[in-house]
Amino acid sequence: MMKEGNEMILNSLIFACTKLVGARLKPGYSGPESAYLHELFWLSVAVLEIADGITYPLAVSFMETCLRVLALTESLHRQHLPTYLLRTRKPLENVAIALDELIGINFSRSFSFSIAALLAKGLKPQGYPDLIRSAAAVLLELSSKHRIKVNDAPVGLESVKPTISFEILPYLALLIPIVTTSNDLANYLTLAGLNGEEYRKIPLANVWKKLFNDGSVEEMLDNETSLLLLSLTAAILASCEKEQELLLLYTFFSEAAPNTRSTFPYVYETLRENR
């Protein structure tokens, strides 16, 4: 916990940086491109790692603003998001990795699961679901840029169901419990490479059941991926209280259990303790 004066200074700096970076998003902006945008993004991540109280939502907004501005850069359009951002982190790794180890996350192992774990903190009671939804949606969109569209499946493989990639799974794990409309859900799943229209009219409670039945989450059958996703979803469950959110999360675990027999026992005790 930071001293009150230090926290106020940090919050003022975050607010000022958000406004400075966000100026690039205004229509008609003609100023210079920031030479430190990547460093500012990783600064926002570092603040997220240590943030609580009012600092946390400010840090989420700061990170999302950096991502929205990064989306305008031509260099990102040609590259894989995690690879692109982790490459820019290398000059900062001596300090960044030490902070990661202190918090218990590993960006080298998985950028998307690490970011999702930081955003999951904002789903606690009296949290910031709208901010988390907005930031996770931006990450999902940026991460989906290089996916093959459903209607562009290779010749001869039209009947093969697409799967959700490893780097997109954690963002969907965050978004599905707090989705507000069926249109949003369809859009998220379309960005994930699926046919979102198939999900537009089904009850939300059946979303995970259909994803598992269709083989859309085959990526999670790998032990490492399944443990990451189960652990993340258990953390989300511990933060949620609304009936719809809990229903969707417990549906996920009921569908995941038979498919993750090797890793599910590692989170079972955590689930029992949470509820």
C-alpha atoms as a PDB file:
ATOM      1  CA  MET A   1       0.000   0.000   0.000  1.00  0.00           C
ATOM      2  CA  MET A   2       1.427   3.360  -1.050  1.00  0.00           C
ATOM      3  CA  LYS A   3       1.390   6.413   1.154  1.00  0.00           C
ATOM      4  CA  GLU A   4      -1.480   8.760   0.330  1.00  0.00           C
ATOM      5  CA  GLY A   5       0.772  11.507  -1.020  1.00  0.00           C
ATOM      6  CA  ASN A   6       2.707   9.117  -3.238  1.00  0.00           C
ATOM      7  CA  GLU A   7      -0.525   7.604  -4.546  1.00  0.00           C
ATOM      8  CA  MET A   8      -1.863  11.045  -5.477  1.00  0.00           C
ATOM      9  CA  ILE A   9       1.341  11.850  -7.357  1.00  0.00           C
ATOM     10  CA  LEU A  10       1.206   8.520  -9.219  1.00  0.00           C
ATOM     11  CA  ASN A  11      -2.469   8.986 -10.102  1.00  0.00           C
ATOM     12  CA  SER A  12      -1.778  12.486 -11.421  1.00  0.00           C
ATOM     13  CA  LEU A  13       1.062  11.177 -13.578  1.00  0.00           C
ATOM     14  CA  ILE A  14      -1.081   8.348 -14.972  1.00  0.00           C
ATOM     15  CA  PHE A  15      -3.922  10.751 -15.740  1.00  0.00           C
ATOM     16  CA  ALA A  16      -1.545  13.167 -17.491  1.00  0.00           C
ATOM     17  CA  CYS A  17       0.091  10.365 -19.518  1.00  0.00           C
ATOM     18  CA  THR A  18      -3.323   9.047 -20.572  1.00  0.00           C
ATOM     19  CA  LYS A  19      -4.351  12.490 -21.819  1.00  0.00           C
ATOM     20  CA  LEU A  20      -1.023  12.988 -23.589  1.00  0.00           C
ATOM     21  CA  VAL A  21      -1.130   9.611 -25.383  1.00  0.00           C
ATOM     22  CA  GLY A  22      -4.872   9.895 -26.051  1.00  0.00           C
ATOM     23  CA  ALA A  23      -4.420  13.154 -27.960  1.00  0.00           C
ATOM     24  CA  ARG A  24      -3.326  10.974 -30.904  1.00  0.00           C
ATOM     25  CA  LEU A  25      -6.860   9.521 -31.065  1.00  0.00           C
ATOM     26  CA  LYS A  26      -8.538  12.875 -31.644  1.00  0.00           C
ATOM     27  CA  PRO A  27      -9.802  13.541 -35.201  1.00  0.00           C
ATOM     28  CA  GLY A  28      -7.478  15.759 -37.177  1.00  0.00           C
ATOM     29  CA  TYR A  29      -4.462  15.164 -34.954  1.00  0.00           C
ATOM     30  CA  SER A  30      -1.369  16.480 -36.732  1.00  0.00           C
ATOM     31  CA  GLY A  31       1.261  16.347 -34.011  1.00  0.00           C
ATOM     32  CA  PRO A  32       4.320  14.087 -33.894  1.00  0.00           C
ATOM     33  CA  GLU A  33       4.200  10.366 -33.172  1.00  0.00           C
ATOM     34  CA  SER A  34       5.410   9.497 -29.672  1.00  0.00           C
ATOM     35  CA  ALA A  35       8.867   7.954 -29.606  1.00  0.00           C
ATOM     36  CA  TYR A  36       8.076   6.388 -26.224  1.00  0.00           C
ATOM     37  CA  LEU A  37       4.669   4.801 -26.870  1.00  0.00           C
ATOM     38  CA  HIS A  38       5.902   1.248 -26.286  1.00  0.00           C
ATOM     39  CA  GLU A  39       7.624   2.228 -23.045  1.00  0.00           C
ATOM     40  CA  LEU A  40       4.437   3.985 -21.911  1.00  0.00           C
ATOM     41  CA  PHE A  41       2.437   0.832 -22.613  1.00  0.00           C
ATOM     42  CA  TRP A  42       4.775  -1.223 -20.425  1.00  0.00           C
ATOM     43  CA  LEU A  43       4.636   1.501 -17.789  1.00  0.00           C
ATOM     44  CA  SER A  44       0.857   1.101 -17.720  1.00  0.00           C
ATOM     45  CA  VAL A  45       1.289  -2.660 -17.290  1.00  0.00           C
ATOM     46  CA  ALA A  46       3.741  -2.154 -14.413  1.00  0.00           C
ATOM     47  CA  VAL A  47       1.276   0.159 -12.662  1.00  0.00           C
ATOM     48  CA  LEU A  48      -1.488  -2.419 -13.178  1.00  0.00           C
ATOM     49  CA  GLU A  49       0.663  -5.019 -11.461  1.00  0.00           C
ATOM     50  CA  ILE A  50       0.925  -2.989  -8.264  1.00  0.00           C
ATOM     51  CA  ALA A  51      -2.284  -0.944  -8.436  1.00  0.00           C
ATOM     52  CA  ASP A  52      -5.216  -0.981  -6.068  1.00  0.00           C
ATOM     53  CA  GLY A  53      -7.904   1.515  -5.137  1.00  0.00           C
ATOM     54  CA  ILE A  54      -8.467   4.393  -7.552  1.00  0.00           C
ATOM     55  CA  THR A  55      -5.073   3.810  -9.176  1.00  0.00           C
ATOM     56  CA  TYR A  56      -6.304   0.572 -10.750  1.00  0.00           C
ATOM     57  CA  PRO A  57      -9.030   1.986 -13.072  1.00  0.00           C
ATOM     58  CA  LEU A  58      -6.704   4.825 -14.066  1.00  0.00           C
ATOM     59  CA  ALA A  59      -4.063   2.254 -15.045  1.00  0.00           C
ATOM     60  CA  VAL A  60      -6.584   0.214 -17.068  1.00  0.00           C
ATOM     61  CA  SER A  61      -7.641   3.323 -18.991  1.00  0.00           C
ATOM     62  CA  PHE A  62      -3.978   4.240 -19.536  1.00  0.00           C
ATOM     63  CA  MET A  63      -3.189   0.779 -20.934  1.00  0.00           C
ATOM     64  CA  GLU A  64      -6.243   0.753 -23.210  1.00  0.00           C
ATOM     65  CA  THR A  65      -5.377   4.218 -24.546  1.00  0.00           C
ATOM     66  CA  CYS A  66      -1.838   3.054 -25.346  1.00  0.00           C
ATOM     67  CA  LEU A  67      -3.240   0.000 -27.167  1.00  0.00           C
ATOM     68  CA  ARG A  68      -5.674   2.092 -29.206  1.00  0.00           C
ATOM     69  CA  VAL A  69      -2.859   4.396 -30.305  1.00  0.00           C
ATOM     70  CA  LEU A  70      -0.558   1.436 -31.050  1.00  0.00           C
ATOM     71  CA  ALA A  71      -3.326   0.070 -33.288  1.00  0.00           C
ATOM     72  CA  LEU A  72      -2.821   3.111 -35.536  1.00  0.00           C
ATOM     73  CA  THR A  73       0.863   2.355 -36.147  1.00  0.00           C
ATOM     74  CA  GLU A  74       1.747   0.659 -39.422  1.00  0.00           C
ATOM     75  CA  SER A  75       4.423  -1.527 -37.827  1.00  0.00           C
ATOM     76  CA  LEU A  76       1.840  -3.316 -35.663  1.00  0.00           C
ATOM     77  CA  HIS A  77      -0.387  -4.062 -38.660  1.00  0.00           C
ATOM     78  CA  ARG A  78       2.271  -6.406 -40.019  1.00  0.00           C
ATOM     79  CA  GLN A  79       3.110  -8.201 -36.792  1.00  0.00           C
ATOM     80  CA  HIS A  80       1.794 -10.568 -34.145  1.00  0.00           C
ATOM     81  CA  LEU A  81       0.685  -8.491 -31.127  1.00  0.00           C
ATOM     82  CA  PRO A  82       2.464 -10.387 -28.302  1.00  0.00           C
ATOM     83  CA  THR A  83       5.676 -10.754 -30.326  1.00  0.00           C
ATOM     84  CA  TYR A  84       5.610  -7.084 -31.256  1.00  0.00           C
ATOM     85  CA  LEU A  85       5.042  -5.833 -27.710  1.00  0.00           C
ATOM     86  CA  LEU A  86       7.425  -8.280 -26.011  1.00  0.00           C
ATOM     87  CA  ARG A  87      10.198  -7.242 -28.404  1.00  0.00           C
ATOM     88  CA  THR A  88       9.806  -3.641 -27.271  1.00  0.00           C
ATOM     89  CA  ARG A  89       9.973  -4.782 -23.642  1.00  0.00           C
ATOM     90  CA  LYS A  90      13.515  -6.199 -23.869  1.00  0.00           C
ATOM     91  CA  PRO A  91      15.325  -2.985 -22.819  1.00  0.00           C
ATOM     92  CA  LEU A  92      13.144  -2.932 -19.684  1.00  0.00           C
ATOM     93  CA  GLU A  93      13.369  -6.629 -18.790  1.00  0.00           C
ATOM     94  CA  ASN A  94      15.774  -6.352 -15.847  1.00  0.00           C
ATOM     95  CA  VAL A  95      13.189  -4.408 -13.881  1.00  0.00           C
ATOM     96  CA  ALA A  96      10.058  -5.800 -15.554  1.00  0.00           C
ATOM     97  CA  ILE A  97      10.846  -9.466 -14.920  1.00  0.00           C
ATOM     98  CA  ALA A  98      11.647  -8.786 -11.273  1.00  0.00           C
ATOM     99  CA  LEU A  99       8.217  -7.173 -10.876  1.00  0.00           C
ATOM    100  CA  ASP A 100       6.536 -10.055 -12.744  1.00  0.00           C
ATOM    101  CA  GLU A 101       8.122 -12.577 -10.384  1.00  0.00           C
ATOM    102  CA  LEU A 102       6.994 -10.572  -7.387  1.00  0.00           C
ATOM    103  CA  ILE A 103       3.403 -10.531  -8.665  1.00  0.00           C
ATOM    104  CA  GLY A 104       3.464 -14.131  -9.912  1.00  0.00           C
ATOM    105  CA  ILE A 105       2.921 -13.731 -13.668  1.00  0.00           C
ATOM    106  CA  ASN A 106       5.126 -14.570 -16.637  1.00  0.00           C
ATOM    107  CA  PHE A 107       4.852 -12.567 -19.848  1.00  0.00           C
ATOM    108  CA  SER A 108       7.447 -14.740 -21.566  1.00  0.00           C
ATOM    109  CA  ARG A 109       5.272 -17.796 -20.986  1.00  0.00           C
ATOM    110  CA  SER A 110       2.091 -16.071 -22.176  1.00  0.00           C
ATOM    111  CA  PHE A 111       1.481 -12.398 -22.867  1.00  0.00           C
ATOM    112  CA  SER A 112      -2.295 -12.773 -23.152  1.00  0.00           C
ATOM    113  CA  PHE A 113      -2.797 -14.827 -19.985  1.00  0.00           C
ATOM    114  CA  SER A 114      -0.618 -12.404 -18.014  1.00  0.00           C
ATOM    115  CA  ILE A 115      -2.574  -9.360 -19.200  1.00  0.00           C
ATOM    116  CA  ALA A 116      -5.875 -11.164 -18.576  1.00  0.00           C
ATOM    117  CA  ALA A 117      -4.809 -12.022 -15.018  1.00  0.00           C
ATOM    118  CA  LEU A 118      -4.161  -8.322 -14.343  1.00  0.00           C
ATOM    119  CA  LEU A 119      -7.546  -7.353 -15.784  1.00  0.00           C
ATOM    120  CA  ALA A 120      -9.330 -10.037 -13.757  1.00  0.00           C
ATOM    121  CA  LYS A 121      -8.536  -7.995 -10.632  1.00  0.00           C
ATOM    122  CA  GLY A 122     -11.044  -5.427 -11.857  1.00  0.00           C
ATOM    123  CA  LEU A 123     -13.981  -7.858 -11.712  1.00  0.00           C
ATOM    124  CA  LYS A 124     -14.071  -7.933  -7.920  1.00  0.00           C
ATOM    125  CA  PRO A 125     -17.226  -6.649  -6.172  1.00  0.00           C
ATOM    126  CA  GLN A 126     -17.422  -2.879  -6.543  1.00  0.00           C
ATOM    127  CA  GLY A 127     -14.963  -3.345  -9.408  1.00  0.00           C
ATOM    128  CA  TYR A 128     -14.877  -1.921 -12.908  1.00  0.00           C
ATOM    129  CA  PRO A 129     -16.543  -4.410 -15.319  1.00  0.00           C
ATOM    130  CA  ASP A 130     -17.193  -1.791 -18.008  1.00  0.00           C
ATOM    131  CA  LEU A 131     -13.535  -0.774 -18.063  1.00  0.00           C
ATOM    132  CA  ILE A 132     -12.418  -4.416 -18.117  1.00  0.00           C
ATOM    133  CA  ARG A 133     -14.865  -5.230 -20.914  1.00  0.00           C
ATOM    134  CA  SER A 134     -13.592  -2.330 -23.010  1.00  0.00           C
ATOM    135  CA  ALA A 135      -9.892  -3.136 -22.503  1.00  0.00           C
ATOM    136  CA  ALA A 136     -10.350  -6.878 -23.090  1.00  0.00           C
ATOM    137  CA  ALA A 137     -12.338  -6.180 -26.278  1.00  0.00           C
ATOM    138  CA  VAL A 138      -9.512  -4.009 -27.630  1.00  0.00           C
ATOM    139  CA  LEU A 139      -6.975  -6.752 -26.852  1.00  0.00           C
ATOM    140  CA  LEU A 140      -9.218  -9.341 -28.509  1.00  0.00           C
ATOM    141  CA  GLU A 141      -9.558  -7.221 -31.635  1.00  0.00           C
ATOM    142  CA  LEU A 142      -5.840  -6.524 -31.916  1.00  0.00           C
ATOM    143  CA  SER A 143      -4.969 -10.174 -31.278  1.00  0.00           C
ATOM    144  CA  SER A 144      -7.380 -11.370 -33.967  1.00  0.00           C
ATOM    145  CA  LYS A 145      -5.963  -9.277 -36.810  1.00  0.00           C
ATOM    146  CA  HIS A 146      -4.084 -12.151 -38.450  1.00  0.00           C
ATOM    147  CA  ARG A 147      -6.687 -14.884 -38.060  1.00  0.00           C
ATOM    148  CA  ILE A 148      -8.224 -16.472 -41.168  1.00  0.00           C
ATOM    149  CA  LYS A 149     -11.856 -15.480 -41.510  1.00  0.00           C
ATOM    150  CA  VAL A 150     -14.445 -18.260 -41.150  1.00  0.00           C
ATOM    151  CA  ASN A 151     -15.587 -17.831 -44.735  1.00  0.00           C
ATOM    152  CA  ASP A 152     -12.013 -17.998 -46.025  1.00  0.00           C
ATOM    153  CA  ALA A 153     -11.390 -21.603 -44.981  1.00  0.00           C
ATOM    154  CA  PRO A 154      -9.016 -23.500 -47.298  1.00  0.00           C
ATOM    155  CA  VAL A 155     -10.596 -25.472 -50.141  1.00  0.00           C
ATOM    156  CA  GLY A 156     -11.585 -28.937 -48.986  1.00  0.00           C
ATOM    157  CA  LEU A 157     -11.720 -27.940 -45.309  1.00  0.00           C
ATOM    158  CA  GLU A 158     -15.038 -26.103 -45.343  1.00  0.00           C
ATOM    159  CA  SER A 159     -16.550 -28.584 -42.859  1.00  0.00           C
ATOM    160  CA  VAL A 160     -13.705 -28.206 -40.361  1.00  0.00           C
ATOM    161  CA  LYS A 161     -14.759 -26.142 -37.353  1.00  0.00           C
ATOM    162  CA  PRO A 162     -12.336 -23.323 -36.519  1.00  0.00           C
ATOM    163  CA  THR A 163     -10.710 -23.258 -33.095  1.00  0.00           C
ATOM    164  CA  ILE A 164      -9.969 -20.356 -30.772  1.00  0.00           C
ATOM    165  CA  SER A 165      -6.259 -19.647 -30.584  1.00  0.00           C
ATOM    166  CA  PHE A 166      -4.205 -19.838 -27.388  1.00  0.00           C
ATOM    167  CA  GLU A 167      -3.645 -16.067 -27.296  1.00  0.00           C
ATOM    168  CA  ILE A 168      -7.357 -15.232 -27.616  1.00  0.00           C
ATOM    169  CA  LEU A 169      -8.779 -17.723 -25.093  1.00  0.00           C
ATOM    170  CA  PRO A 170      -8.007 -15.627 -21.982  1.00  0.00           C
ATOM    171  CA  TYR A 171      -9.744 -12.542 -23.378  1.00  0.00           C
ATOM    172  CA  LEU A 172     -12.886 -14.560 -24.091  1.00  0.00           C
ATOM    173  CA  ALA A 173     -12.684 -16.038 -20.588  1.00  0.00           C
ATOM    174  CA  LEU A 174     -12.868 -12.472 -19.282  1.00  0.00           C
ATOM    175  CA  LEU A 175     -15.526 -11.241 -21.682  1.00  0.00           C
ATOM    176  CA  ILE A 176     -18.081 -14.059 -21.737  1.00  0.00           C
ATOM    177  CA  PRO A 177     -19.124 -13.779 -18.047  1.00  0.00           C
ATOM    178  CA  ILE A 178     -19.616 -10.000 -18.305  1.00  0.00           C
ATOM    179  CA  VAL A 179     -21.092  -9.828 -21.807  1.00  0.00           C
ATOM    180  CA  THR A 180     -24.103  -7.505 -21.915  1.00  0.00           C
ATOM    181  CA  THR A 181     -25.821  -8.346 -25.214  1.00  0.00           C
ATOM    182  CA  SER A 182     -26.024 -11.238 -27.665  1.00  0.00           C
ATOM    183  CA  ASN A 183     -24.683  -8.877 -30.337  1.00  0.00           C
ATOM    184  CA  ASP A 184     -21.543  -8.278 -28.297  1.00  0.00           C
ATOM    185  CA  LEU A 185     -21.090 -12.014 -27.797  1.00  0.00           C
ATOM    186  CA  ALA A 186     -21.484 -12.675 -31.533  1.00  0.00           C
ATOM    187  CA  ASN A 187     -18.960  -9.946 -32.311  1.00  0.00           C
ATOM    188  CA  TYR A 188     -16.419 -11.289 -29.800  1.00  0.00           C
ATOM    189  CA  LEU A 189     -16.675 -14.820 -31.172  1.00  0.00           C
ATOM    190  CA  THR A 190     -16.431 -13.561 -34.750  1.00  0.00           C
ATOM    191  CA  LEU A 191     -13.211 -11.773 -33.805  1.00  0.00           C
ATOM    192  CA  ALA A 192     -12.036 -15.059 -32.274  1.00  0.00           C
ATOM    193  CA  GLY A 193     -12.400 -16.692 -35.701  1.00  0.00           C
ATOM    194  CA  LEU A 194     -15.743 -18.438 -35.181  1.00  0.00           C
ATOM    195  CA  ASN A 195     -19.095 -17.949 -36.858  1.00  0.00           C
ATOM    196  CA  GLY A 196     -20.554 -15.540 -34.329  1.00  0.00           C
ATOM    197  CA  GLU A 197     -24.008 -15.717 -35.936  1.00  0.00           C
ATOM    198  CA  GLU A 198     -24.379 -19.267 -34.622  1.00  0.00           C
ATOM    199  CA  TYR A 199     -24.263 -17.874 -31.083  1.00  0.00           C
ATOM    200  CA  ARG A 200     -26.487 -14.840 -31.518  1.00  0.00           C
ATOM    201  CA  LYS A 201     -29.735 -16.573 -30.554  1.00  0.00           C
ATOM    202  CA  ILE A 202     -28.628 -19.272 -28.132  1.00  0.00           C
ATOM    203  CA  PRO A 203     -28.991 -18.721 -24.364  1.00  0.00           C
ATOM    204  CA  LEU A 204     -25.834 -17.368 -22.755  1.00  0.00           C
ATOM    205  CA  ALA A 205     -25.832 -20.321 -20.375  1.00  0.00           C
ATOM    206  CA  ASN A 206     -25.208 -22.626 -23.349  1.00  0.00           C
ATOM    207  CA  VAL A 207     -22.269 -20.740 -24.840  1.00  0.00           C
ATOM    208  CA  TRP A 208     -19.481 -22.778 -23.235  1.00  0.00           C
ATOM    209  CA  LYS A 209     -21.351 -26.031 -23.887  1.00  0.00           C
ATOM    210  CA  LYS A 210     -21.496 -25.244 -27.604  1.00  0.00           C
ATOM    211  CA  LEU A 211     -17.863 -24.115 -27.698  1.00  0.00           C
ATOM    212  CA  PHE A 212     -16.757 -27.433 -26.185  1.00  0.00           C
ATOM    213  CA  ASN A 213     -19.147 -29.552 -28.263  1.00  0.00           C
ATOM    214  CA  ASP A 214     -17.962 -27.889 -31.484  1.00  0.00           C
ATOM    215  CA  GLY A 215     -14.309 -28.441 -30.595  1.00  0.00           C
ATOM    216  CA  SER A 216     -13.705 -24.696 -30.647  1.00  0.00           C
ATOM    217  CA  VAL A 217     -11.544 -24.823 -27.514  1.00  0.00           C
ATOM    218  CA  GLU A 218      -9.279 -27.703 -28.581  1.00  0.00           C
ATOM    219  CA  GLU A 219      -6.281 -25.469 -27.814  1.00  0.00           C
ATOM    220  CA  MET A 220      -7.121 -25.907 -24.131  1.00  0.00           C
ATOM    221  CA  LEU A 221      -6.638 -29.691 -24.306  1.00  0.00           C
ATOM    222  CA  ASP A 222      -2.902 -29.063 -24.018  1.00  0.00           C
ATOM    223  CA  ASN A 223      -2.020 -29.437 -20.318  1.00  0.00           C
ATOM    224  CA  GLU A 224      -0.144 -26.147 -20.010  1.00  0.00           C
ATOM    225  CA  THR A 225      -2.885 -24.153 -21.734  1.00  0.00           C
ATOM    226  CA  SER A 226      -5.663 -25.860 -19.800  1.00  0.00           C
ATOM    227  CA  LEU A 227      -3.983 -25.141 -16.467  1.00  0.00           C
ATOM    228  CA  LEU A 228      -3.526 -21.492 -17.391  1.00  0.00           C
ATOM    229  CA  LEU A 229      -7.148 -21.126 -18.491  1.00  0.00           C
ATOM    230  CA  LEU A 230      -8.557 -23.039 -15.518  1.00  0.00           C
ATOM    231  CA  SER A 231      -6.484 -20.940 -13.096  1.00  0.00           C
ATOM    232  CA  LEU A 232      -7.515 -17.688 -14.778  1.00  0.00           C
ATOM    233  CA  THR A 233     -11.197 -18.654 -14.768  1.00  0.00           C
ATOM    234  CA  ALA A 234     -10.980 -19.679 -11.100  1.00  0.00           C
ATOM    235  CA  ALA A 235      -9.583 -16.215 -10.340  1.00  0.00           C
ATOM    236  CA  ILE A 236     -12.449 -14.632 -12.284  1.00  0.00           C
ATOM    237  CA  LEU A 237     -14.950 -16.790 -10.369  1.00  0.00           C
ATOM    238  CA  ALA A 238     -13.508 -15.595  -7.066  1.00  0.00           C
ATOM    239  CA  SER A 239     -14.148 -12.012  -8.176  1.00  0.00           C
ATOM    240  CA  CYS A 240     -17.737 -12.396  -9.413  1.00  0.00           C
ATOM    241  CA  GLU A 241     -21.004 -12.296  -7.493  1.00  0.00           C
ATOM    242  CA  LYS A 242     -23.794 -11.722 -10.053  1.00  0.00           C
ATOM    243  CA  GLU A 243     -25.991 -14.736 -10.794  1.00  0.00           C
ATOM    244  CA  GLN A 244     -25.474 -14.645 -14.583  1.00  0.00           C
ATOM    245  CA  GLU A 245     -21.703 -14.385 -14.214  1.00  0.00           C
ATOM    246  CA  LEU A 246     -21.589 -17.311 -11.783  1.00  0.00           C
ATOM    247  CA  LEU A 247     -23.836 -19.427 -14.020  1.00  0.00           C
ATOM    248  CA  LEU A 248     -21.575 -18.905 -17.023  1.00  0.00           C
ATOM    249  CA  LEU A 249     -18.430 -19.632 -15.018  1.00  0.00           C
ATOM    250  CA  TYR A 250     -19.777 -22.810 -13.429  1.00  0.00           C
ATOM    251  CA  THR A 251     -20.976 -23.941 -16.853  1.00  0.00           C
ATOM    252  CA  PHE A 252     -17.425 -23.465 -18.104  1.00  0.00           C
ATOM    253  CA  PHE A 253     -16.026 -25.654 -15.318  1.00  0.00           C
ATOM    254  CA  SER A 254     -18.656 -28.367 -15.808  1.00  0.00           C
ATOM    255  CA  GLU A 255     -17.766 -28.561 -19.506  1.00  0.00           C
ATOM    256  CA  ALA A 256     -14.028 -28.258 -18.913  1.00  0.00           C
ATOM    257  CA  ALA A 257     -13.729 -30.952 -16.215  1.00  0.00           C
ATOM    258  CA  PRO A 258     -14.160 -34.020 -18.495  1.00  0.00           C
ATOM    259  CA  ASN A 259     -11.743 -32.514 -21.042  1.00  0.00           C
ATOM    260  CA  THR A 260      -9.002 -31.535 -18.592  1.00  0.00           C
ATOM    261  CA  ARG A 261      -8.704 -34.564 -16.301  1.00  0.00           C
ATOM    262  CA  SER A 262      -4.949 -34.091 -15.890  1.00  0.00           C
ATOM    263  CA  THR A 263      -5.123 -30.461 -14.776  1.00  0.00           C
ATOM    264  CA  PHE A 264      -8.605 -29.939 -13.311  1.00  0.00           C
ATOM    265  CA  PRO A 265      -7.632 -31.403  -9.890  1.00  0.00           C
ATOM    266  CA  TYR A 266      -5.138 -28.530  -9.472  1.00  0.00           C
ATOM    267  CA  VAL A 267      -7.964 -25.971  -9.351  1.00  0.00           C
ATOM    268  CA  TYR A 268     -10.659 -28.120  -7.760  1.00  0.00           C
ATOM    269  CA  GLU A 269      -9.729 -27.208  -4.176  1.00  0.00           C
ATOM    270  CA  THR A 270      -9.622 -23.534  -5.148  1.00  0.00           C
ATOM    271  CA  LEU A 271     -13.157 -23.815  -6.516  1.00  0.00           C
ATOM    272  CA  ARG A 272     -14.364 -25.437  -3.306  1.00  0.00           C
ATOM    273  CA  GLU A 273     -12.810 -22.697  -1.205  1.00  0.00           C
ATOM    274  CA  ASN A 274     -14.343 -19.933  -3.330  1.00  0.00           C
ATOM    275  CA  ARG A 275     -17.905 -21.178  -2.998  1.00  0.00           C
END
